[in-house]
C-alpha atoms as a PDB file:
ATOM      1  CA  MET A   1     -25.824 -58.498-134.062  1.00  0.00           C
ATOM      2  CA  ALA A   2     -22.281 -59.521-134.814  1.00  0.00           C
ATOM      3  CA  GLY A   3     -21.274 -62.841-133.287  1.00  0.00           C
ATOM      4  CA  ARG A   4     -24.783 -64.307-133.278  1.00  0.00           C
ATOM      5  CA  LEU A   5     -26.015 -67.333-135.175  1.00  0.00           C
ATOM      6  CA  ARG A   6     -29.727 -67.663-135.849  1.00  0.00           C
ATOM      7  CA  LEU A   7     -31.265 -70.997-134.892  1.00  0.00           C
ATOM      8  CA  VAL A   8     -34.263 -70.743-137.215  1.00  0.00           C
ATOM      9  CA  TYR A   9     -34.801 -68.613-140.256  1.00  0.00           C
ATOM     10  CA  ASN A  10     -37.612 -68.731-142.770  1.00  0.00           C
ATOM     11  CA  PRO A  11     -37.389 -65.984-145.398  1.00  0.00           C
ATOM     12  CA  LEU A  12     -41.087 -66.442-146.203  1.00  0.00           C
ATOM     13  CA  VAL A  13     -42.237 -65.678-142.666  1.00  0.00           C
ATOM     14  CA  GLU A  14     -41.388 -62.253-141.322  1.00  0.00           C
ATOM     15  CA  GLY A  15     -40.114 -62.205-137.763  1.00  0.00           C
ATOM     16  CA  THR A  16     -38.727 -65.744-137.646  1.00  0.00           C
ATOM     17  CA  GLY A  17     -35.197 -66.363-136.558  1.00  0.00           C
ATOM     18  CA  SER A  18     -34.986 -64.089-133.557  1.00  0.00           C
ATOM     19  CA  ALA A  19     -34.067 -66.879-131.157  1.00  0.00           C
ATOM     20  CA  VAL A  20     -30.315 -66.576-131.276  1.00  0.00           C
ATOM     21  CA  VAL A  21     -27.180 -68.309-130.157  1.00  0.00           C
ATOM     22  CA  ASP A  22     -24.620 -65.772-129.027  1.00  0.00           C
ATOM     23  CA  GLY A  23     -21.015 -66.965-128.932  1.00  0.00           C
ATOM     24  CA  GLY A  24     -19.411 -65.006-126.125  1.00  0.00           C
ATOM     25  CA  GLN A  25     -16.400 -65.498-123.888  1.00  0.00           C
ATOM     26  CA  LEU A  26     -18.344 -67.779-121.575  1.00  0.00           C
ATOM     27  CA  GLY A  27     -19.616 -69.983-124.403  1.00  0.00           C
ATOM     28  CA  LYS A  28     -22.826 -69.966-126.346  1.00  0.00           C
ATOM     29  CA  GLN A  29     -25.950 -68.441-124.854  1.00  0.00           C
ATOM     30  CA  VAL A  30     -29.423 -68.991-126.294  1.00  0.00           C
ATOM     31  CA  SER A  31     -32.098 -66.376-125.746  1.00  0.00           C
ATOM     32  CA  TRP A  32     -35.674 -65.741-126.860  1.00  0.00           C
ATOM     33  CA  VAL A  33     -37.983 -62.785-127.276  1.00  0.00           C
ATOM     34  CA  LYS A  34     -41.250 -64.167-128.658  1.00  0.00           C
ATOM     35  CA  PRO A  35     -43.093 -67.093-127.004  1.00  0.00           C
ATOM     36  CA  ARG A  36     -42.980 -69.141-130.202  1.00  0.00           C
ATOM     37  CA  GLU A  37     -39.176 -69.236-129.806  1.00  0.00           C
ATOM     38  CA  ILE A  38     -39.352 -71.013-126.434  1.00  0.00           C
ATOM     39  CA  PRO A  39     -39.262 -74.541-127.960  1.00  0.00           C
ATOM     40  CA  LEU A  40     -35.963 -73.648-129.661  1.00  0.00           C
ATOM     41  CA  VAL A  41     -34.458 -72.665-126.323  1.00  0.00           C
ATOM     42  CA  VAL A  42     -35.853 -75.671-124.456  1.00  0.00           C
ATOM     43  CA  CYS A  43     -34.720 -78.111-127.181  1.00  0.00           C
ATOM     44  CA  TYR A  44     -31.230 -76.607-127.364  1.00  0.00           C
ATOM     45  CA  ARG A  45     -29.002 -79.617-126.620  1.00  0.00           C
ATOM     46  CA  PRO A  46     -27.012 -78.204-123.652  1.00  0.00           C
ATOM     47  CA  HIS A  47     -30.264 -77.145-122.000  1.00  0.00           C
ATOM     48  CA  LEU A  48     -31.861 -80.541-122.603  1.00  0.00           C
ATOM     49  CA  ILE A  49     -28.887 -82.321-121.078  1.00  0.00           C
ATOM     50  CA  ARG A  50     -29.112 -80.197-117.921  1.00  0.00           C
ATOM     51  CA  THR A  51     -32.893 -80.399-117.543  1.00  0.00           C
ATOM     52  CA  ILE A  52     -32.976 -84.154-118.111  1.00  0.00           C
ATOM     53  CA  SER A  53     -30.096 -84.636-115.659  1.00  0.00           C
ATOM     54  CA  ALA A  54     -31.913 -82.570-113.034  1.00  0.00           C
ATOM     55  CA  ALA A  55     -35.131 -84.507-113.635  1.00  0.00           C
ATOM     56  CA  VAL A  56     -33.385 -87.864-113.273  1.00  0.00           C
ATOM     57  CA  ILE A  57     -31.574 -86.911-110.066  1.00  0.00           C
ATOM     58  CA  VAL A  58     -34.457 -85.121-108.342  1.00  0.00           C
ATOM     59  CA  GLY A  59     -37.067 -87.539-109.726  1.00  0.00           C
ATOM     60  CA  THR A  60     -35.142 -90.545-108.416  1.00  0.00           C
ATOM     61  CA  ILE A  61     -34.877 -89.022-104.944  1.00  0.00           C
ATOM     62  CA  LEU A  62     -38.601 -88.227-104.938  1.00  0.00           C
ATOM     63  CA  PHE A  63     -39.440 -91.698-106.285  1.00  0.00           C
ATOM     64  CA  CYS A  64     -37.460 -93.331-103.496  1.00  0.00           C
ATOM     65  CA  VAL A  65     -39.134 -91.180-100.860  1.00  0.00           C
ATOM     66  CA  ASN A  66     -42.689 -91.534-102.183  1.00  0.00           C
ATOM     67  CA  HIS A  67     -43.022 -94.840-104.060  1.00  0.00           C
ATOM     68  CA  LEU A  68     -40.116 -97.198-103.403  1.00  0.00           C
ATOM     69  CA  ASP A  69     -41.746 -98.980-100.462  1.00  0.00           C
ATOM     70  CA  VAL A  70     -44.852 -99.807-102.519  1.00  0.00           C
ATOM     71  CA  VAL A  71     -42.794-101.030-105.481  1.00  0.00           C
ATOM     72  CA  LEU A  72     -40.486-103.171-103.321  1.00  0.00           C
ATOM     73  CA  ALA A  73     -43.491-104.701-101.554  1.00  0.00           C
ATOM     74  CA  GLY A  74     -44.831-105.748-104.949  1.00  0.00           C
ATOM     75  CA  GLU A  75     -48.001-103.729-104.483  1.00  0.00           C
ATOM     76  CA  ALA A  76     -47.452-101.242-107.306  1.00  0.00           C
ATOM     77  CA  THR A  77     -50.554-100.591-109.378  1.00  0.00           C
ATOM     78  CA  THR A  78     -51.019 -98.701-112.610  1.00  0.00           C
ATOM     79  CA  SER A  79     -51.770 -95.643-110.498  1.00  0.00           C
ATOM     80  CA  THR A  80     -48.428 -96.002-108.733  1.00  0.00           C
ATOM     81  CA  TRP A  81     -46.561 -96.132-112.043  1.00  0.00           C
ATOM     82  CA  VAL A  82     -48.431 -93.095-113.401  1.00  0.00           C
ATOM     83  CA  LYS A  83     -47.563 -91.181-110.231  1.00  0.00           C
ATOM     84  CA  SER A  84     -43.954 -92.337-110.616  1.00  0.00           C
ATOM     85  CA  ALA A  85     -43.803 -90.952-114.148  1.00  0.00           C
ATOM     86  CA  ILE A  86     -45.231 -87.646-112.932  1.00  0.00           C
ATOM     87  CA  THR A  87     -42.590 -87.686-110.194  1.00  0.00           C
ATOM     88  CA  TYR A  88     -39.954 -87.414-112.939  1.00  0.00           C
ATOM     89  CA  LEU A  89     -41.957 -85.056-115.138  1.00  0.00           C
ATOM     90  CA  VAL A  90     -42.400 -82.349-112.504  1.00  0.00           C
ATOM     91  CA  PRO A  91     -38.672 -81.640-111.938  1.00  0.00           C
ATOM     92  CA  PHE A  92     -38.172 -81.684-115.732  1.00  0.00           C
ATOM     93  CA  CYS A  93     -40.856 -79.009-116.138  1.00  0.00           C
ATOM     94  CA  VAL A  94     -39.468 -76.930-113.267  1.00  0.00           C
ATOM     95  CA  ALA A  95     -35.952 -77.079-114.716  1.00  0.00           C
ATOM     96  CA  ASN A  96     -37.291 -76.008-118.121  1.00  0.00           C
ATOM     97  CA  TYR A  97     -39.194 -73.147-116.512  1.00  0.00           C
ATOM     98  CA  GLY A  98     -35.895 -71.992-115.023  1.00  0.00           C
ATOM     99  CA  VAL A  99     -34.195 -72.173-118.416  1.00  0.00           C
ATOM    100  CA  VAL A 100     -37.003 -70.234-120.082  1.00  0.00           C
ATOM    101  CA  THR A 101     -37.053 -67.472-117.480  1.00  0.00           C
ATOM    102  CA  ALA A 102     -33.255 -67.200-117.401  1.00  0.00           C
ATOM    103  CA  THR A 103     -32.879 -66.942-121.176  1.00  0.00           C
ATOM    104  CA  ARG A 104     -35.585 -64.378-121.880  1.00  0.00           C
ATOM    105  CA  GLU A 105     -34.309 -61.343-123.714  1.00  0.00           C
ATOM    106  CA  ARG A 106     -36.709 -58.454-123.324  1.00  0.00           C
ATOM    107  CA  GLU A 107     -37.605 -56.286-126.274  1.00  0.00           C
ATOM    108  CA  PRO A 108     -36.753 -52.624-125.754  1.00  0.00           C
ATOM    109  CA  ARG A 109     -39.850 -50.588-124.884  1.00  0.00           C
ATOM    110  CA  PHE A 110     -38.788 -47.641-126.977  1.00  0.00           C
ATOM    111  CA  PRO A 111     -37.032 -48.013-130.330  1.00  0.00           C
ATOM    112  CA  ALA A 112     -33.541 -46.582-130.390  1.00  0.00           C
END
């Protein structure tokens, strides 16, 4: 495991600290094995920047397509604003799903 930096480590809890940052030639790569490590990967700053950027860009396009006419006409209700928030939340969740699936590091089935 040379060249890896553990994101979380608790010596009192066995098995913590397996979400790792690996400094390779292409930069740092975060991966996860156990589901409890997913928040570490999702909250990793470079991933957050990309997922929020994707959500803002895609969410704004979807907002303009689906809700802009109602807002500009002054007929926006609470329901419209809730739907608008969900319009931004969905691309954020989809982008995070992509990060989580792309960074999964599978455990070997048979010990070496």
